[in-house]
PDB file of all heavy atoms in Angstrom:
ATOM      1  N   SER A   1      -9.252  92.780  23.969  1.00  0.00           N
ATOM      2  CA  SER A   1      -9.150  92.902  25.431  1.00  0.00           C
ATOM      3  C   SER A   1      -7.693  93.053  25.860  1.00  0.00           C
ATOM      4  O   SER A   1      -7.382  93.706  26.859  1.00  0.00           O
ATOM      5  CB  SER A   1      -9.765  91.673  26.115  1.00  0.00           C
ATOM      6  OG  SER A   1      -9.137  90.481  25.675  1.00  0.00           O
ATOM      7  N   VAL A   2      -6.799  92.444  25.079  1.00  0.00           N
ATOM      8  CA  VAL A   2      -5.352  92.580  25.297  1.00  0.00           C
ATOM      9  C   VAL A   2      -4.733  92.959  23.954  1.00  0.00           C
ATOM     10  O   VAL A   2      -5.025  92.320  22.932  1.00  0.00           O
ATOM     11  CB  VAL A   2      -4.726  91.263  25.813  1.00  0.00           C
ATOM     12  CG1 VAL A   2      -3.211  91.411  25.936  1.00  0.00           C
ATOM     13  CG2 VAL A   2      -5.334  90.867  27.148  1.00  0.00           C
ATOM     14  N   ALA A   3      -3.908  93.988  23.943  1.00  0.00           N
ATOM     15  CA  ALA A   3      -3.260  94.405  22.696  1.00  0.00           C
ATOM     16  C   ALA A   3      -2.515  93.218  22.087  1.00  0.00           C
ATOM     17  O   ALA A   3      -1.829  92.474  22.787  1.00  0.00           O
ATOM     18  CB  ALA A   3      -2.298  95.554  22.966  1.00  0.00           C
ATOM     19  N   THR A   4      -2.654  93.044  20.771  1.00  0.00           N
ATOM     20  CA  THR A   4      -2.123  91.838  20.134  1.00  0.00           C
ATOM     21  C   THR A   4      -1.384  92.143  18.835  1.00  0.00           C
ATOM     22  O   THR A   4      -1.627  93.168  18.191  1.00  0.00           O
ATOM     23  CB  THR A   4      -3.268  90.845  19.844  1.00  0.00           C
ATOM     24  OG1 THR A   4      -2.740  89.648  19.284  1.00  0.00           O
ATOM     25  CG2 THR A   4      -4.275  91.444  18.875  1.00  0.00           C
ATOM     26  N   ASP A   5      -0.505  91.208  18.458  1.00  0.00           N
ATOM     27  CA  ASP A   5       0.135  91.245  17.145  1.00  0.00           C
ATOM     28  C   ASP A   5      -0.064  89.905  16.444  1.00  0.00           C
ATOM     29  O   ASP A   5       0.582  89.602  15.452  1.00  0.00           O
ATOM     30  CB  ASP A   5       1.630  91.561  17.267  1.00  0.00           C
ATOM     31  CG  ASP A   5       2.391  90.475  18.034  1.00  0.00           C
ATOM     32  OD1 ASP A   5       1.744  89.552  18.564  1.00  0.00           O
ATOM     33  OD2 ASP A   5       3.637  90.566  18.117  1.00  0.00           O
ATOM     34  N   ASN A   6      -0.988  89.104  16.991  1.00  0.00           N
ATOM     35  CA  ASN A   6      -1.210  87.750  16.508  1.00  0.00           C
ATOM     36  C   ASN A   6      -2.121  87.747  15.276  1.00  0.00           C
ATOM     37  O   ASN A   6      -3.261  88.221  15.337  1.00  0.00           O
ATOM     38  CB  ASN A   6      -1.822  86.899  17.617  1.00  0.00           C
ATOM     39  CG  ASN A   6      -1.873  85.439  17.237  1.00  0.00           C
ATOM     40  OD1 ASN A   6      -2.761  85.014  16.511  1.00  0.00           O
ATOM     41  ND2 ASN A   6      -0.899  84.662  17.708  1.00  0.00           N
ATOM     42  N   THR A   7      -1.623  87.200  14.179  1.00  0.00           N
ATOM     43  CA  THR A   7      -2.368  87.219  12.921  1.00  0.00           C
ATOM     44  C   THR A   7      -3.703  86.498  13.033  1.00  0.00           C
ATOM     45  O   THR A   7      -4.732  87.003  12.580  1.00  0.00           O
ATOM     46  CB  THR A   7      -1.530  86.573  11.795  1.00  0.00           C
ATOM     47  OG1 THR A   7      -0.284  87.264  11.673  1.00  0.00           O
ATOM     48  CG2 THR A   7      -2.266  86.650  10.468  1.00  0.00           C
ATOM     49  N   SER A   8      -3.714  85.321  13.632  1.00  0.00           N
ATOM     50  CA  SER A   8      -4.958  84.544  13.716  1.00  0.00           C
ATOM     51  C   SER A   8      -6.011  85.269  14.541  1.00  0.00           C
ATOM     52  O   SER A   8      -7.207  85.260  14.205  1.00  0.00           O
ATOM     53  CB  SER A   8      -4.687  83.153  14.301  1.00  0.00           C
ATOM     54  OG  SER A   8      -4.168  83.252  15.614  1.00  0.00           O
ATOM     55  N   GLU A   9      -5.591  85.906  15.625  1.00  0.00           N
ATOM     56  CA  GLU A   9      -6.520  86.645  16.478  1.00  0.00           C
ATOM     57  C   GLU A   9      -7.109  87.839  15.727  1.00  0.00           C
ATOM     58  O   GLU A   9      -8.312  88.124  15.826  1.00  0.00           O
ATOM     59  CB  GLU A   9      -5.785  87.114  17.737  1.00  0.00           C
ATOM     60  CG  GLU A   9      -6.709  87.618  18.837  1.00  0.00           C
ATOM     61  CD  GLU A   9      -5.954  87.958  20.104  1.00  0.00           C
ATOM     62  OE1 GLU A   9      -4.703  87.868  20.127  1.00  0.00           O
ATOM     63  OE2 GLU A   9      -6.628  88.332  21.088  1.00  0.00           O
ATOM     64  N   ILE A  10      -6.265  88.531  14.980  1.00  0.00           N
ATOM     65  CA  ILE A  10      -6.724  89.691  14.211  1.00  0.00           C
ATOM     66  C   ILE A  10      -7.650  89.245  13.079  1.00  0.00           C
ATOM     67  O   ILE A  10      -8.708  89.851  12.851  1.00  0.00           O
ATOM     68  CB  ILE A  10      -5.518  90.487  13.659  1.00  0.00           C
ATOM     69  CG1 ILE A  10      -4.724  91.103  14.810  1.00  0.00           C
ATOM     70  CG2 ILE A  10      -5.984  91.584  12.699  1.00  0.00           C
ATOM     71  CD1 ILE A  10      -3.406  91.740  14.404  1.00  0.00           C
ATOM     72  N   ILE A  11      -7.285  88.155  12.377  1.00  0.00           N
ATOM     73  CA  ILE A  11      -8.127  87.646  11.293  1.00  0.00           C
ATOM     74  C   ILE A  11      -9.505  87.250  11.820  1.00  0.00           C
ATOM     75  O   ILE A  11     -10.545  87.599  11.239  1.00  0.00           O
ATOM     76  CB  ILE A  11      -7.456  86.445  10.589  1.00  0.00           C
ATOM     77  CG1 ILE A  11      -6.277  86.914   9.733  1.00  0.00           C
ATOM     78  CG2 ILE A  11      -8.468  85.706   9.705  1.00  0.00           C
ATOM     79  CD1 ILE A  11      -5.506  85.787   9.077  1.00  0.00           C
ATOM     80  N   ASP A  12      -9.548  86.498  12.925  1.00  0.00           N
ATOM     81  CA  ASP A  12     -10.831  86.069  13.506  1.00  0.00           C
ATOM     82  C   ASP A  12     -11.722  87.265  13.825  1.00  0.00           C
ATOM     83  O   ASP A  12     -12.931  87.251  13.556  1.00  0.00           O
ATOM     84  CB  ASP A  12     -10.586  85.263  14.788  1.00  0.00           C
ATOM     85  CG  ASP A  12     -10.059  83.864  14.503  1.00  0.00           C
ATOM     86  OD1 ASP A  12     -10.152  83.433  13.339  1.00  0.00           O
ATOM     87  OD2 ASP A  12      -9.530  83.222  15.435  1.00  0.00           O
ATOM     88  N   SER A  13     -11.118  88.314  14.389  1.00  0.00           N
ATOM     89  CA  SER A  13     -11.892  89.494  14.803  1.00  0.00           C
ATOM     90  C   SER A  13     -12.438  90.263  13.603  1.00  0.00           C
ATOM     91  O   SER A  13     -13.600  90.673  13.595  1.00  0.00           O
ATOM     92  CB  SER A  13     -11.019  90.415  15.662  1.00  0.00           C
ATOM     93  OG  SER A  13     -10.634  89.767  16.850  1.00  0.00           O
ATOM     94  N   VAL A  14     -11.595  90.461  12.581  1.00  0.00           N
ATOM     95  CA  VAL A  14     -12.050  91.253  11.420  1.00  0.00           C
ATOM     96  C   VAL A  14     -13.070  90.479  10.589  1.00  0.00           C
ATOM     97  O   VAL A  14     -13.989  91.074  10.011  1.00  0.00           O
ATOM     98  CB  VAL A  14     -10.864  91.729  10.549  1.00  0.00           C
ATOM     99  CG1 VAL A  14      -9.961  92.667  11.336  1.00  0.00           C
ATOM    100  CG2 VAL A  14     -10.077  90.565   9.974  1.00  0.00           C
ATOM    101  N   LEU A  15     -12.939  89.149  10.537  1.00  0.00           N
ATOM    102  CA  LEU A  15     -13.918  88.358   9.791  1.00  0.00           C
ATOM    103  C   LEU A  15     -15.258  88.330  10.520  1.00  0.00           C
ATOM    104  O   LEU A  15     -16.327  88.320   9.884  1.00  0.00           O
ATOM    105  CB  LEU A  15     -13.412  86.931   9.566  1.00  0.00           C
ATOM    106  CG  LEU A  15     -12.233  86.777   8.585  1.00  0.00           C
ATOM    107  CD1 LEU A  15     -11.913  85.305   8.368  1.00  0.00           C
ATOM    108  CD2 LEU A  15     -12.549  87.449   7.255  1.00  0.00           C
ATOM    109  N   SER A  16     -15.204  88.340  11.839  1.00  0.00           N
ATOM    110  CA  SER A  16     -16.433  88.429  12.627  1.00  0.00           C
ATOM    111  C   SER A  16     -17.123  89.771  12.378  1.00  0.00           C
ATOM    112  O   SER A  16     -18.355  89.839  12.232  1.00  0.00           O
ATOM    113  CB  SER A  16     -16.116  88.268  14.118  1.00  0.00           C
ATOM    114  OG  SER A  16     -17.265  88.427  14.902  1.00  0.00           O
ATOM    115  N   ALA A  17     -16.316  90.838  12.300  1.00  0.00           N
ATOM    116  CA  ALA A  17     -16.862  92.169  12.013  1.00  0.00           C
ATOM    117  C   ALA A  17     -17.425  92.230  10.600  1.00  0.00           C
ATOM    118  O   ALA A  17     -18.473  92.853  10.359  1.00  0.00           O
ATOM    119  CB  ALA A  17     -15.773  93.225  12.195  1.00  0.00           C
ATOM    120  N   LEU A  18     -16.743  91.564   9.664  1.00  0.00           N
ATOM    121  CA  LEU A  18     -17.225  91.542   8.277  1.00  0.00           C
ATOM    122  C   LEU A  18     -18.600  90.893   8.167  1.00  0.00           C
ATOM    123  O   LEU A  18     -19.464  91.361   7.420  1.00  0.00           O
ATOM    124  CB  LEU A  18     -16.212  90.799   7.394  1.00  0.00           C
ATOM    125  CG  LEU A  18     -16.587  90.654   5.914  1.00  0.00           C
ATOM    126  CD1 LEU A  18     -16.667  92.019   5.238  1.00  0.00           C
ATOM    127  CD2 LEU A  18     -15.571  89.765   5.182  1.00  0.00           C
ATOM    128  N   LYS A  19     -18.806  89.812   8.925  1.00  0.00           N
ATOM    129  CA  LYS A  19     -20.121  89.147   8.917  1.00  0.00           C
ATOM    130  C   LYS A  19     -21.227  90.095   9.344  1.00  0.00           C
ATOM    131  O   LYS A  19     -22.350  90.037   8.835  1.00  0.00           O
ATOM    132  CB  LYS A  19     -20.094  87.935   9.848  1.00  0.00           C
ATOM    133  CG  LYS A  19     -19.312  86.757   9.309  1.00  0.00           C
ATOM    134  CD  LYS A  19     -19.328  85.602  10.299  1.00  0.00           C
ATOM    135  CE  LYS A  19     -18.483  84.428   9.787  1.00  0.00           C
ATOM    136  NZ  LYS A  19     -18.448  83.314  10.789  1.00  0.00           N
ATOM    137  N   ASP A  20     -20.911  90.994  10.267  1.00  0.00           N
ATOM    138  CA  ASP A  20     -21.911  91.935  10.781  1.00  0.00           C
ATOM    139  C   ASP A  20     -22.264  93.028   9.779  1.00  0.00           C
ATOM    140  O   ASP A  20     -23.392  93.537   9.774  1.00  0.00           O
ATOM    141  CB  ASP A  20     -21.406  92.581  12.077  1.00  0.00           C
ATOM    142  CG  ASP A  20     -21.292  91.575  13.215  1.00  0.00           C
ATOM    143  OD1 ASP A  20     -21.973  90.532  13.146  1.00  0.00           O
ATOM    144  OD2 ASP A  20     -20.516  91.834  14.161  1.00  0.00           O
ATOM    145  N   ILE A  21     -21.292  93.417   8.943  1.00  0.00           N
ATOM    146  CA  ILE A  21     -21.539  94.550   8.040  1.00  0.00           C
ATOM    147  C   ILE A  21     -21.833  94.123   6.603  1.00  0.00           C
ATOM    148  O   ILE A  21     -22.302  94.939   5.790  1.00  0.00           O
ATOM    149  CB  ILE A  21     -20.347  95.547   8.043  1.00  0.00           C
ATOM    150  CG1 ILE A  21     -19.060  94.875   7.540  1.00  0.00           C
ATOM    151  CG2 ILE A  21     -20.151  96.131   9.434  1.00  0.00           C
ATOM    152  CD1 ILE A  21     -17.876  95.828   7.437  1.00  0.00           C
ATOM    153  N   TYR A  22     -21.564  92.861   6.276  1.00  0.00           N
ATOM    154  CA  TYR A  22     -21.779  92.389   4.906  1.00  0.00           C
ATOM    155  C   TYR A  22     -23.262  92.306   4.578  1.00  0.00           C
ATOM    156  O   TYR A  22     -24.076  91.844   5.372  1.00  0.00           O
ATOM    157  CB  TYR A  22     -21.131  91.011   4.720  1.00  0.00           C
ATOM    158  CG  TYR A  22     -21.487  90.337   3.409  1.00  0.00           C
ATOM    159  CD1 TYR A  22     -20.870  90.722   2.225  1.00  0.00           C
ATOM    160  CD2 TYR A  22     -22.448  89.315   3.374  1.00  0.00           C
ATOM    161  CE1 TYR A  22     -21.199  90.105   1.024  1.00  0.00           C
ATOM    162  CE2 TYR A  22     -22.772  88.689   2.175  1.00  0.00           C
ATOM    163  CZ  TYR A  22     -22.146  89.091   0.997  1.00  0.00           C
ATOM    164  OH  TYR A  22     -22.479  88.479  -0.186  1.00  0.00           O
ATOM    165  N   LYS A  23     -23.612  92.751   3.371  1.00  0.00           N
ATOM    166  CA  LYS A  23     -24.983  92.638   2.877  1.00  0.00           C
ATOM    167  C   LYS A  23     -24.966  91.971   1.511  1.00  0.00           C
ATOM    168  O   LYS A  23     -24.199  92.365   0.623  1.00  0.00           O
ATOM    169  CB  LYS A  23     -25.642  94.018   2.769  1.00  0.00           C
ATOM    170  CG  LYS A  23     -26.200  94.544   4.075  1.00  0.00           C
ATOM    171  CD  LYS A  23     -27.036  95.793   3.840  1.00  0.00           C
ATOM    172  CE  LYS A  23     -27.653  96.298   5.133  1.00  0.00           C
ATOM    173  NZ  LYS A  23     -28.501  97.501   4.897  1.00  0.00           N
ATOM    174  N   LYS A  24     -25.808  90.970   1.374  1.00  0.00           N
ATOM    175  CA  LYS A  24     -25.880  90.235   0.120  1.00  0.00           C
ATOM    176  C   LYS A  24     -26.565  91.081  -0.957  1.00  0.00           C
ATOM    177  O   LYS A  24     -27.406  91.926  -0.655  1.00  0.00           O
ATOM    178  CB  LYS A  24     -26.676  88.939   0.353  1.00  0.00           C
ATOM    179  CG  LYS A  24     -26.480  87.891  -0.721  1.00  0.00           C
ATOM    180  CD  LYS A  24     -27.163  86.592  -0.319  1.00  0.00           C
ATOM    181  CE  LYS A  24     -26.945  85.538  -1.402  1.00  0.00           C
ATOM    182  NZ  LYS A  24     -27.598  84.251  -1.029  1.00  0.00           N
ATOM    183  N   GLY A  25     -26.173  90.857  -2.204  1.00  0.00           N
ATOM    184  CA  GLY A  25     -26.834  91.555  -3.311  1.00  0.00           C
ATOM    185  C   GLY A  25     -26.136  92.818  -3.764  1.00  0.00           C
ATOM    186  O   GLY A  25     -26.648  93.526  -4.640  1.00  0.00           O
ATOM    187  N   TYR A  26     -24.975  93.132  -3.206  1.00  0.00           N
ATOM    188  CA  TYR A  26     -24.219  94.326  -3.599  1.00  0.00           C
ATOM    189  C   TYR A  26     -22.928  93.925  -4.307  1.00  0.00           C
ATOM    190  O   TYR A  26     -22.338  92.882  -4.021  1.00  0.00           O
ATOM    191  CB  TYR A  26     -23.881  95.177  -2.376  1.00  0.00           C
ATOM    192  CG  TYR A  26     -25.063  95.898  -1.777  1.00  0.00           C
ATOM    193  CD1 TYR A  26     -25.851  95.283  -0.801  1.00  0.00           C
ATOM    194  CD2 TYR A  26     -25.408  97.176  -2.192  1.00  0.00           C
ATOM    195  CE1 TYR A  26     -26.946  95.932  -0.243  1.00  0.00           C
ATOM    196  CE2 TYR A  26     -26.498  97.838  -1.647  1.00  0.00           C
ATOM    197  CZ  TYR A  26     -27.261  97.219  -0.676  1.00  0.00           C
ATOM    198  OH  TYR A  26     -28.348  97.864  -0.133  1.00  0.00           O
ATOM    199  N   GLN A  27     -22.490  94.789  -5.222  1.00  0.00           N
ATOM    200  CA  GLN A  27     -21.233  94.591  -5.932  1.00  0.00           C
ATOM    201  C   GLN A  27     -20.161  95.450  -5.252  1.00  0.00           C
ATOM    202  O   GLN A  27     -20.149  96.665  -5.400  1.00  0.00           O
ATOM    203  CB  GLN A  27     -21.385  95.003  -7.404  1.00  0.00           C
ATOM    204  CG  GLN A  27     -22.408  94.201  -8.183  1.00  0.00           C
ATOM    205  CD  GLN A  27     -21.900  92.800  -8.501  1.00  0.00           C
ATOM    206  OE1 GLN A  27     -20.718  92.607  -8.773  1.00  0.00           O
ATOM    207  NE2 GLN A  27     -22.792  91.822  -8.456  1.00  0.00           N
ATOM    208  N   TYR A  28     -19.275  94.794  -4.510  1.00  0.00           N
ATOM    209  CA  TYR A  28     -18.257  95.534  -3.746  1.00  0.00           C
ATOM    210  C   TYR A  28     -17.011  95.789  -4.595  1.00  0.00           C
ATOM    211  O   TYR A  28     -16.575  94.932  -5.366  1.00  0.00           O
ATOM    212  CB  TYR A  28     -17.886  94.763  -2.479  1.00  0.00           C
ATOM    213  CG  TYR A  28     -19.043  94.635  -1.518  1.00  0.00           C
ATOM    214  CD1 TYR A  28     -19.814  93.468  -1.473  1.00  0.00           C
ATOM    215  CD2 TYR A  28     -19.404  95.687  -0.681  1.00  0.00           C
ATOM    216  CE1 TYR A  28     -20.893  93.350  -0.610  1.00  0.00           C
ATOM    217  CE2 TYR A  28     -20.479  95.575   0.187  1.00  0.00           C
ATOM    218  CZ  TYR A  28     -21.217  94.413   0.218  1.00  0.00           C
ATOM    219  OH  TYR A  28     -22.301  94.301   1.066  1.00  0.00           O
ATOM    220  N   LYS A  29     -16.475  96.986  -4.436  1.00  0.00           N
ATOM    221  CA  LYS A  29     -15.315  97.403  -5.233  1.00  0.00           C
ATOM    222  C   LYS A  29     -14.057  97.621  -4.392  1.00  0.00           C
ATOM    223  O   LYS A  29     -12.941  97.550  -4.906  1.00  0.00           O
ATOM    224  CB  LYS A  29     -15.661  98.704  -5.984  1.00  0.00           C
ATOM    225  CG  LYS A  29     -14.605  99.168  -6.969  1.00  0.00           C
ATOM    226  CD  LYS A  29     -14.358  98.164  -8.083  1.00  0.00           C
ATOM    227  CE  LYS A  29     -13.346  98.688  -9.092  1.00  0.00           C
ATOM    228  NZ  LYS A  29     -12.978  97.686 -10.100  1.00  0.00           N
ATOM    229  N   LYS A  30     -14.227  97.881  -3.095  1.00  0.00           N
ATOM    230  CA  LYS A  30     -13.061  98.172  -2.263  1.00  0.00           C
ATOM    231  C   LYS A  30     -13.292  97.686  -0.838  1.00  0.00           C
ATOM    232  O   LYS A  30     -14.413  97.686  -0.339  1.00  0.00           O
ATOM    233  CB  LYS A  30     -12.785  99.685  -2.260  1.00  0.00           C
ATOM    234  CG  LYS A  30     -11.482 100.085  -1.580  1.00  0.00           C
ATOM    235  CD  LYS A  30     -11.227 101.584  -1.725  1.00  0.00           C
ATOM    236  CE  LYS A  30      -9.892 101.966  -1.097  1.00  0.00           C
ATOM    237  NZ  LYS A  30      -9.601 103.413  -1.232  1.00  0.00           N
ATOM    238  N   ALA A  31     -12.206  97.282  -0.176  1.00  0.00           N
ATOM    239  CA  ALA A  31     -12.269  96.858   1.228  1.00  0.00           C
ATOM    240  C   ALA A  31     -10.908  97.110   1.868  1.00  0.00           C
ATOM    241  O   ALA A  31      -9.908  97.292   1.174  1.00  0.00           O
ATOM    242  CB  ALA A  31     -12.643  95.386   1.332  1.00  0.00           C
ATOM    243  N   GLY A  32     -10.893  97.126   3.187  1.00  0.00           N
ATOM    244  CA  GLY A  32      -9.617  97.369   3.852  1.00  0.00           C
ATOM    245  C   GLY A  32      -9.662  97.111   5.343  1.00  0.00           C
ATOM    246  O   GLY A  32     -10.734  96.969   5.943  1.00  0.00           O
ATOM    247  N   VAL A  33      -8.461  97.050   5.929  1.00  0.00           N
ATOM    248  CA  VAL A  33      -8.296  96.841   7.374  1.00  0.00           C
ATOM    249  C   VAL A  33      -7.305  97.879   7.889  1.00  0.00           C
ATOM    250  O   VAL A  33      -6.264  98.102   7.277  1.00  0.00           O
ATOM    251  CB  VAL A  33      -7.773  95.422   7.679  1.00  0.00           C
ATOM    252  CG1 VAL A  33      -7.459  95.274   9.166  1.00  0.00           C
ATOM    253  CG2 VAL A  33      -8.775  94.368   7.239  1.00  0.00           C
ATOM    254  N   THR A  34      -7.642  98.516   9.007  1.00  0.00           N
ATOM    255  CA  THR A  34      -6.740  99.471   9.650  1.00  0.00           C
ATOM    256  C   THR A  34      -6.560  99.086  11.109  1.00  0.00           C
ATOM    257  O   THR A  34      -7.538  98.817  11.812  1.00  0.00           O
ATOM    258  CB  THR A  34      -7.296 100.909   9.572  1.00  0.00           C
ATOM    259  OG1 THR A  34      -7.484 101.277   8.210  1.00  0.00           O
ATOM    260  CG2 THR A  34      -6.336 101.900  10.231  1.00  0.00           C
ATOM    261  N   LEU A  35      -5.312  99.038  11.555  1.00  0.00           N
ATOM    262  CA  LEU A  35      -5.011  98.781  12.960  1.00  0.00           C
ATOM    263  C   LEU A  35      -4.615 100.091  13.626  1.00  0.00           C
ATOM    264  O   LEU A  35      -3.821 100.857  13.079  1.00  0.00           O
ATOM    265  CB  LEU A  35      -3.854  97.777  13.086  1.00  0.00           C
ATOM    266  CG  LEU A  35      -4.036  96.419  12.400  1.00  0.00           C
ATOM    267  CD1 LEU A  35      -2.828  95.533  12.654  1.00  0.00           C
ATOM    268  CD2 LEU A  35      -5.313  95.735  12.869  1.00  0.00           C
ATOM    269  N   SER A  36      -5.158 100.355  14.798  1.00  0.00           N
ATOM    270  CA  SER A  36      -4.839 101.589  15.523  1.00  0.00           C
ATOM    271  C   SER A  36      -4.704 101.277  17.016  1.00  0.00           C
ATOM    272  O   SER A  36      -4.837 100.126  17.431  1.00  0.00           O
ATOM    273  CB  SER A  36      -5.914 102.645  15.290  1.00  0.00           C
ATOM    274  OG  SER A  36      -7.183 102.170  15.706  1.00  0.00           O
ATOM    275  N   GLY A  37      -4.464 102.319  17.818  1.00  0.00           N
ATOM    276  CA  GLY A  37      -4.211 102.090  19.236  1.00  0.00           C
ATOM    277  C   GLY A  37      -2.953 101.259  19.399  1.00  0.00           C
ATOM    278  O   GLY A  37      -2.888 100.328  20.207  1.00  0.00           O
TER     279      GLY A  37
END
């Protein structure tokens, strides 16, 4: 909602997003985070 450079705020947001896309039972090989805007 407000542009940020705060590590904790960014970590909380990306981990929340990870919970939404994570699926159990898969073998993951790669992951990443990109900041834009």
